[in-house]
Amino acid sequence: MSISWFFTNLLAAFLLPPLSLVLLGCLGWWLARRFRFAGNTIIITSIALLLALSTGAGSRLLVAPLENRSLPVPNPKMVDAKAIVILGGGRSFAAPEDDNRDQPSAQTLARLRHGARLYRMTGLPILVSGGAPDRGGESEAAVMARALREDFHIPVRWIEGTSENTAQNATHAATILREAGIDRVLLVTDAMHMSRAMQIFSKTSLMVVPAPTDFRSRKPLSVADFIPSAGGLQTSHYALHEWIGLVWYRLRHV
């Protein structure tokens, strides 16, 4: 397991819900023993935030501004790209229904589907990017390449299987593509992740055209979106991770 990956995820756990709000509530409980009003206010605030972020409506307040930063590419044939880069978004380990081979996560599968669609529209060669920072099983890129070939019947030209984060996705992909004489690409990732990906890819030699997918804030609100759920909290967690990542990359990669 990569030490940097472990500590990054450990820090994220403390900064993001639900653990951050649980810790905030514990702080309020501790303060309430001496400063009842302040402590109780913090406890109530932590519970209210946890409930709000667990709803589809609450998560949308964080998701929509991210997704509105990058719109779908209207005509992929007209952007003069020379390759398609698809970023990994996780994998499922040892699927028993597939001879215990690793499989793309649902998030990665959505990216692969869009990448396959772009390939059929443009015929551009594909690079898949994603390592195995947890040091378990295959790299995400290897799993993605296999899924594209076997399930979508799409060829993969380059497999970048060493990166542990989006910054390394950018630098490692740029190195491979520069050696192939390619300087302009279509970049495929989630709409929520696209802002951070574009921020770091712009630091490389590549000219990047965003091709986002998996938009989550376009569905009309319903009554169910105001009921707390694990799915709502998961979406809020992802969105907050991207907002924090944007700030961190801006500070670190200036």
Foldseek 3Di string as FASTA:
>chain_A
DAPVLVVVVVVLCCVAPDNVLVVQLVVLVVVCVPVVVSSVVSNVVSVVVQLLLLFLVSLLVLQVVLLVVADADPALQPPPFQEAEEEADDWAAQDVVVNGAIAGDPQSVFLLVLVLVSCVRHVHAYEYAFACNVPDHGTRQVNSQVCCCPVVVDHHDYGHHDDDDLLCSQVVVLVVVVVVVGAEYEYEHASLQVVLNCVNNVVGSHHYRYRHTDRDNPDDDDPRSSGGDPVSNVSSSSSVVNVVSNVVCVVPVD
